[in-house]
Amino acid sequence: MKPSDTLLFRNRIVHDYFGVDFSILENTVKHDLDQLEIVIRQILSDEGTTWQFRSFADLTDASY
């Protein structure tokens, strides 16, 4: 998933919630988040940030 695709996907979910095809959303969550996590970690590393990115896998048990 390219960063531009991620932004478009986010905008679709936020601004056209009732028009979202939830089978596509489910497929994205199941199959694309691992690649997105790799990209996010690389960006954080390149920027030298101290912010710690939690794994998407950790979010399945999130209490927030």
PDB file of N, CA and C in Angstrom:
ATOM      1  N   MET A   1       0.846  -1.169   0.000  1.00  0.00           N
ATOM      2  CA  MET A   1       0.000   0.000   0.000  1.00  0.00           C
ATOM      3  C   MET A   1       0.895   1.237   0.000  1.00  0.00           C
ATOM      4  N   LYS A   2       0.739   2.078  -0.990  1.00  0.00           N
ATOM      5  CA  LYS A   2       1.519   3.308  -1.088  1.00  0.00           C
ATOM      6  C   LYS A   2       0.970   4.338  -0.099  1.00  0.00           C
ATOM      7  N   PRO A   3       1.826   5.256   0.381  1.00  0.00           N
ATOM      8  CA  PRO A   3       1.331   6.293   1.295  1.00  0.00           C
ATOM      9  C   PRO A   3       0.151   7.073   0.722  1.00  0.00           C
ATOM     10  N   SER A   4       0.170   7.355  -0.575  1.00  0.00           N
ATOM     11  CA  SER A   4      -0.951   8.089  -1.173  1.00  0.00           C
ATOM     12  C   SER A   4      -2.237   7.265  -1.119  1.00  0.00           C
ATOM     13  N   ASP A   5      -2.125   5.945  -1.276  1.00  0.00           N
ATOM     14  CA  ASP A   5      -3.299   5.074  -1.154  1.00  0.00           C
ATOM     15  C   ASP A   5      -3.842   5.095   0.265  1.00  0.00           C
ATOM     16  N   THR A   6      -2.932   5.148   1.226  1.00  0.00           N
ATOM     17  CA  THR A   6      -3.328   5.187   2.630  1.00  0.00           C
ATOM     18  C   THR A   6      -4.137   6.444   2.914  1.00  0.00           C
ATOM     19  N   LEU A   7      -3.671   7.576   2.417  1.00  0.00           N
ATOM     20  CA  LEU A   7      -4.378   8.836   2.623  1.00  0.00           C
ATOM     21  C   LEU A   7      -5.754   8.799   1.965  1.00  0.00           C
ATOM     22  N   LEU A   8      -5.827   8.303   0.754  1.00  0.00           N
ATOM     23  CA  LEU A   8      -7.116   8.208   0.065  1.00  0.00           C
ATOM     24  C   LEU A   8      -8.071   7.286   0.809  1.00  0.00           C
ATOM     25  N   PHE A   9      -7.541   6.184   1.312  1.00  0.00           N
ATOM     26  CA  PHE A   9      -8.351   5.219   2.056  1.00  0.00           C
ATOM     27  C   PHE A   9      -8.888   5.861   3.330  1.00  0.00           C
ATOM     28  N   ARG A  10      -8.031   6.578   4.034  1.00  0.00           N
ATOM     29  CA  ARG A  10      -8.443   7.268   5.263  1.00  0.00           C
ATOM     30  C   ARG A  10      -9.539   8.280   4.962  1.00  0.00           C
ATOM     31  N   ASN A  11      -9.357   9.077   3.911  1.00  0.00           N
ATOM     32  CA  ASN A  11     -10.358  10.078   3.557  1.00  0.00           C
ATOM     33  C   ASN A  11     -11.697   9.437   3.218  1.00  0.00           C
ATOM     34  N   ARG A  12     -11.652   8.317   2.553  1.00  0.00           N
ATOM     35  CA  ARG A  12     -12.893   7.617   2.197  1.00  0.00           C
ATOM     36  C   ARG A  12     -13.628   7.152   3.451  1.00  0.00           C
ATOM     37  N   ILE A  13     -12.896   6.603   4.399  1.00  0.00           N
ATOM     38  CA  ILE A  13     -13.515   6.116   5.633  1.00  0.00           C
ATOM     39  C   ILE A  13     -14.101   7.273   6.439  1.00  0.00           C
ATOM     40  N   VAL A  14     -13.354   8.364   6.550  1.00  0.00           N
ATOM     41  CA  VAL A  14     -13.787   9.494   7.375  1.00  0.00           C
ATOM     42  C   VAL A  14     -14.931  10.271   6.737  1.00  0.00           C
ATOM     43  N   HIS A  15     -14.851  10.523   5.443  1.00  0.00           N
ATOM     44  CA  HIS A  15     -15.810  11.415   4.799  1.00  0.00           C
ATOM     45  C   HIS A  15     -16.962  10.704   4.093  1.00  0.00           C
ATOM     46  N   ASP A  16     -16.844   9.422   3.867  1.00  0.00           N
ATOM     47  CA  ASP A  16     -17.914   8.686   3.179  1.00  0.00           C
ATOM     48  C   ASP A  16     -18.170   7.377   3.908  1.00  0.00           C
ATOM     49  N   TYR A  17     -18.316   7.478   5.226  1.00  0.00           N
ATOM     50  CA  TYR A  17     -18.420   6.288   6.070  1.00  0.00           C
ATOM     51  C   TYR A  17     -19.477   5.315   5.570  1.00  0.00           C
ATOM     52  N   PHE A  18     -20.646   5.815   5.223  1.00  0.00           N
ATOM     53  CA  PHE A  18     -21.734   4.925   4.821  1.00  0.00           C
ATOM     54  C   PHE A  18     -21.545   4.365   3.412  1.00  0.00           C
ATOM     55  N   GLY A  19     -20.582   4.905   2.672  1.00  0.00           N
ATOM     56  CA  GLY A  19     -20.297   4.396   1.343  1.00  0.00           C
ATOM     57  C   GLY A  19     -19.142   3.406   1.313  1.00  0.00           C
ATOM     58  N   VAL A  20     -18.592   3.102   2.482  1.00  0.00           N
ATOM     59  CA  VAL A  20     -17.441   2.201   2.574  1.00  0.00           C
ATOM     60  C   VAL A  20     -17.883   0.760   2.361  1.00  0.00           C
ATOM     61  N   ASP A  21     -17.152   0.060   1.522  1.00  0.00           N
ATOM     62  CA  ASP A  21     -17.383  -1.378   1.323  1.00  0.00           C
ATOM     63  C   ASP A  21     -16.589  -2.098   2.411  1.00  0.00           C
ATOM     64  N   PHE A  22     -17.298  -2.629   3.399  1.00  0.00           N
ATOM     65  CA  PHE A  22     -16.620  -3.196   4.556  1.00  0.00           C
ATOM     66  C   PHE A  22     -15.852  -4.474   4.238  1.00  0.00           C
ATOM     67  N   SER A  23     -16.167  -5.130   3.145  1.00  0.00           N
ATOM     68  CA  SER A  23     -15.357  -6.289   2.759  1.00  0.00           C
ATOM     69  C   SER A  23     -13.971  -5.828   2.300  1.00  0.00           C
ATOM     70  N   ILE A  24     -13.902  -4.669   1.646  1.00  0.00           N
ATOM     71  CA  ILE A  24     -12.607  -4.105   1.250  1.00  0.00           C
ATOM     72  C   ILE A  24     -11.846  -3.649   2.488  1.00  0.00           C
ATOM     73  N   LEU A  25     -12.542  -3.014   3.420  1.00  0.00           N
ATOM     74  CA  LEU A  25     -11.909  -2.585   4.667  1.00  0.00           C
ATOM     75  C   LEU A  25     -11.344  -3.782   5.429  1.00  0.00           C
ATOM     76  N   GLU A  26     -12.125  -4.840   5.539  1.00  0.00           N
ATOM     77  CA  GLU A  26     -11.666  -6.044   6.235  1.00  0.00           C
ATOM     78  C   GLU A  26     -10.448  -6.644   5.540  1.00  0.00           C
ATOM     79  N   ASN A  27     -10.482  -6.706   4.223  1.00  0.00           N
ATOM     80  CA  ASN A  27      -9.355  -7.246   3.459  1.00  0.00           C
ATOM     81  C   ASN A  27      -8.094  -6.405   3.683  1.00  0.00           C
ATOM     82  N   THR A  28      -8.252  -5.094   3.703  1.00  0.00           N
ATOM     83  CA  THR A  28      -7.115  -4.202   3.934  1.00  0.00           C
ATOM     84  C   THR A  28      -6.514  -4.431   5.310  1.00  0.00           C
ATOM     85  N   VAL A  29      -7.369  -4.520   6.315  1.00  0.00           N
ATOM     86  CA  VAL A  29      -6.887  -4.737   7.681  1.00  0.00           C
ATOM     87  C   VAL A  29      -6.154  -6.069   7.788  1.00  0.00           C
ATOM     88  N   LYS A  30      -6.693  -7.095   7.160  1.00  0.00           N
ATOM     89  CA  LYS A  30      -6.100  -8.430   7.268  1.00  0.00           C
ATOM     90  C   LYS A  30      -4.812  -8.586   6.466  1.00  0.00           C
ATOM     91  N   HIS A  31      -4.693  -7.845   5.344  1.00  0.00           N
ATOM     92  CA  HIS A  31      -3.595  -8.140   4.424  1.00  0.00           C
ATOM     93  C   HIS A  31      -2.596  -7.009   4.186  1.00  0.00           C
ATOM     94  N   ASP A  32      -2.958  -5.772   4.482  1.00  0.00           N
ATOM     95  CA  ASP A  32      -2.083  -4.657   4.127  1.00  0.00           C
ATOM     96  C   ASP A  32      -1.422  -3.963   5.315  1.00  0.00           C
ATOM     97  N   LEU A  33      -1.912  -4.184   6.520  1.00  0.00           N
ATOM     98  CA  LEU A  33      -1.361  -3.451   7.657  1.00  0.00           C
ATOM     99  C   LEU A  33       0.076  -3.830   7.975  1.00  0.00           C
ATOM    100  N   ASP A  34       0.461  -5.065   7.722  1.00  0.00           N
ATOM    101  CA  ASP A  34       1.855  -5.452   7.969  1.00  0.00           C
ATOM    102  C   ASP A  34       2.813  -4.624   7.121  1.00  0.00           C
ATOM    103  N   GLN A  35       2.467  -4.426   5.850  1.00  0.00           N
ATOM    104  CA  GLN A  35       3.314  -3.621   4.970  1.00  0.00           C
ATOM    105  C   GLN A  35       3.311  -2.164   5.401  1.00  0.00           C
ATOM    106  N   LEU A  36       2.151  -1.668   5.821  1.00  0.00           N
ATOM    107  CA  LEU A  36       2.063  -0.289   6.285  1.00  0.00           C
ATOM    108  C   LEU A  36       2.914  -0.091   7.536  1.00  0.00           C
ATOM    109  N   GLU A  37       2.918  -1.060   8.413  1.00  0.00           N
ATOM    110  CA  GLU A  37       3.728  -0.976   9.629  1.00  0.00           C
ATOM    111  C   GLU A  37       5.215  -0.868   9.279  1.00  0.00           C
ATOM    112  N   ILE A  38       5.663  -1.616   8.298  1.00  0.00           N
ATOM    113  CA  ILE A  38       7.060  -1.553   7.856  1.00  0.00           C
ATOM    114  C   ILE A  38       7.390  -0.149   7.359  1.00  0.00           C
ATOM    115  N   VAL A  39       6.502   0.429   6.563  1.00  0.00           N
ATOM    116  CA  VAL A  39       6.715   1.777   6.027  1.00  0.00           C
ATOM    117  C   VAL A  39       6.764   2.800   7.162  1.00  0.00           C
ATOM    118  N   ILE A  40       5.837   2.698   8.117  1.00  0.00           N
ATOM    119  CA  ILE A  40       5.807   3.638   9.241  1.00  0.00           C
ATOM    120  C   ILE A  40       7.092   3.547  10.054  1.00  0.00           C
ATOM    121  N   ARG A  41       7.528   2.335  10.334  1.00  0.00           N
ATOM    122  CA  ARG A  41       8.767   2.166  11.108  1.00  0.00           C
ATOM    123  C   ARG A  41       9.974   2.751  10.363  1.00  0.00           C
ATOM    124  N   GLN A  42      10.012   2.592   9.049  1.00  0.00           N
ATOM    125  CA  GLN A  42      11.121   3.141   8.260  1.00  0.00           C
ATOM    126  C   GLN A  42      11.097   4.663   8.282  1.00  0.00           C
ATOM    127  N   ILE A  43       9.924   5.249   8.149  1.00  0.00           N
ATOM    128  CA  ILE A  43       9.803   6.711   8.198  1.00  0.00           C
ATOM    129  C   ILE A  43      10.272   7.228   9.553  1.00  0.00           C
ATOM    130  N   LEU A  44       9.831   6.586  10.626  1.00  0.00           N
ATOM    131  CA  LEU A  44      10.241   7.010  11.967  1.00  0.00           C
ATOM    132  C   LEU A  44      11.750   6.888  12.143  1.00  0.00           C
ATOM    133  N   SER A  45      12.320   5.818  11.618  1.00  0.00           N
ATOM    134  CA  SER A  45      13.765   5.617  11.706  1.00  0.00           C
ATOM    135  C   SER A  45      14.509   6.697  10.918  1.00  0.00           C
ATOM    136  N   ASP A  46      14.037   6.969   9.708  1.00  0.00           N
ATOM    137  CA  ASP A  46      14.672   7.986   8.864  1.00  0.00           C
ATOM    138  C   ASP A  46      14.617   9.370   9.507  1.00  0.00           C
ATOM    139  N   GLU A  47      13.528   9.649  10.211  1.00  0.00           N
ATOM    140  CA  GLU A  47      13.354  10.955  10.845  1.00  0.00           C
ATOM    141  C   GLU A  47      14.088  11.049  12.175  1.00  0.00           C
ATOM    142  N   GLY A  48      14.539   9.925  12.694  1.00  0.00           N
ATOM    143  CA  GLY A  48      15.261   9.920  13.955  1.00  0.00           C
ATOM    144  C   GLY A  48      14.388  10.242  15.157  1.00  0.00           C
ATOM    145  N   THR A  49      13.113   9.980  15.041  1.00  0.00           N
ATOM    146  CA  THR A  49      12.190  10.283  16.135  1.00  0.00           C
ATOM    147  C   THR A  49      12.354   9.293  17.285  1.00  0.00           C
ATOM    148  N   THR A  50      11.988   9.731  18.460  1.00  0.00           N
ATOM    149  CA  THR A  50      12.018   8.838  19.622  1.00  0.00           C
ATOM    150  C   THR A  50      10.635   8.254  19.898  1.00  0.00           C
ATOM    151  N   TRP A  51       9.645   8.673  19.113  1.00  0.00           N
ATOM    152  CA  TRP A  51       8.292   8.161  19.290  1.00  0.00           C
ATOM    153  C   TRP A  51       8.266   6.676  18.959  1.00  0.00           C
ATOM    154  N   GLN A  52       7.632   5.892  19.797  1.00  0.00           N
ATOM    155  CA  GLN A  52       7.567   4.445  19.608  1.00  0.00           C
ATOM    156  C   GLN A  52       6.237   4.054  18.982  1.00  0.00           C
ATOM    157  N   PHE A  53       6.308   3.415  17.848  1.00  0.00           N
ATOM    158  CA  PHE A  53       5.113   2.940  17.161  1.00  0.00           C
ATOM    159  C   PHE A  53       4.729   1.581  17.707  1.00  0.00           C
ATOM    160  N   ARG A  54       3.503   1.461  18.180  1.00  0.00           N
ATOM    161  CA  ARG A  54       3.010   0.162  18.631  1.00  0.00           C
ATOM    162  C   ARG A  54       2.633  -0.662  17.410  1.00  0.00           C
ATOM    163  N   SER A  55       2.805  -1.924  17.496  1.00  0.00           N
ATOM    164  CA  SER A  55       2.456  -2.817  16.397  1.00  0.00           C
ATOM    165  C   SER A  55       0.951  -2.824  16.196  1.00  0.00           C
ATOM    166  N   PHE A  56       0.510  -2.923  14.944  1.00  0.00           N
ATOM    167  CA  PHE A  56      -0.919  -3.060  14.677  1.00  0.00           C
ATOM    168  C   PHE A  56      -1.466  -4.305  15.362  1.00  0.00           C
ATOM    169  N   ALA A  57      -0.636  -5.314  15.495  1.00  0.00           N
ATOM    170  CA  ALA A  57      -1.069  -6.545  16.162  1.00  0.00           C
ATOM    171  C   ALA A  57      -1.448  -6.262  17.608  1.00  0.00           C
ATOM    172  N   ASP A  58      -0.776  -5.309  18.245  1.00  0.00           N
ATOM    173  CA  ASP A  58      -1.099  -4.939  19.623  1.00  0.00           C
ATOM    174  C   ASP A  58      -2.469  -4.285  19.739  1.00  0.00           C
ATOM    175  N   LEU A  59      -2.941  -3.684  18.670  1.00  0.00           N
ATOM    176  CA  LEU A  59      -4.196  -2.945  18.723  1.00  0.00           C
ATOM    177  C   LEU A  59      -5.417  -3.843  18.852  1.00  0.00           C
ATOM    178  N   THR A  60      -5.277  -5.114  18.573  1.00  0.00           N
ATOM    179  CA  THR A  60      -6.426  -6.012  18.708  1.00  0.00           C
ATOM    180  C   THR A  60      -6.838  -6.160  20.161  1.00  0.00           C
ATOM    181  N   ASP A  61      -5.926  -5.903  21.080  1.00  0.00           N
ATOM    182  CA  ASP A  61      -6.220  -6.000  22.507  1.00  0.00           C
ATOM    183  C   ASP A  61      -6.297  -4.630  23.169  1.00  0.00           C
ATOM    184  N   ALA A  62      -6.354  -3.576  22.368  1.00  0.00           N
ATOM    185  CA  ALA A  62      -6.345  -2.223  22.925  1.00  0.00           C
ATOM    186  C   ALA A  62      -7.626  -1.950  23.703  1.00  0.00           C
ATOM    187  N   SER A  63      -7.489  -1.193  24.760  1.00  0.00           N
ATOM    188  CA  SER A  63      -8.644  -0.872  25.589  1.00  0.00           C
ATOM    189  C   SER A  63      -9.128   0.554  25.361  1.00  0.00           C
ATOM    190  N   TYR A  64      -8.663   1.191  24.310  1.00  0.00           N
ATOM    191  CA  TYR A  64      -9.092   2.565  24.049  1.00  0.00           C
ATOM    192  C   TYR A  64      -9.936   2.640  22.812  1.00  0.00           C
TER     193      TYR A  64
END
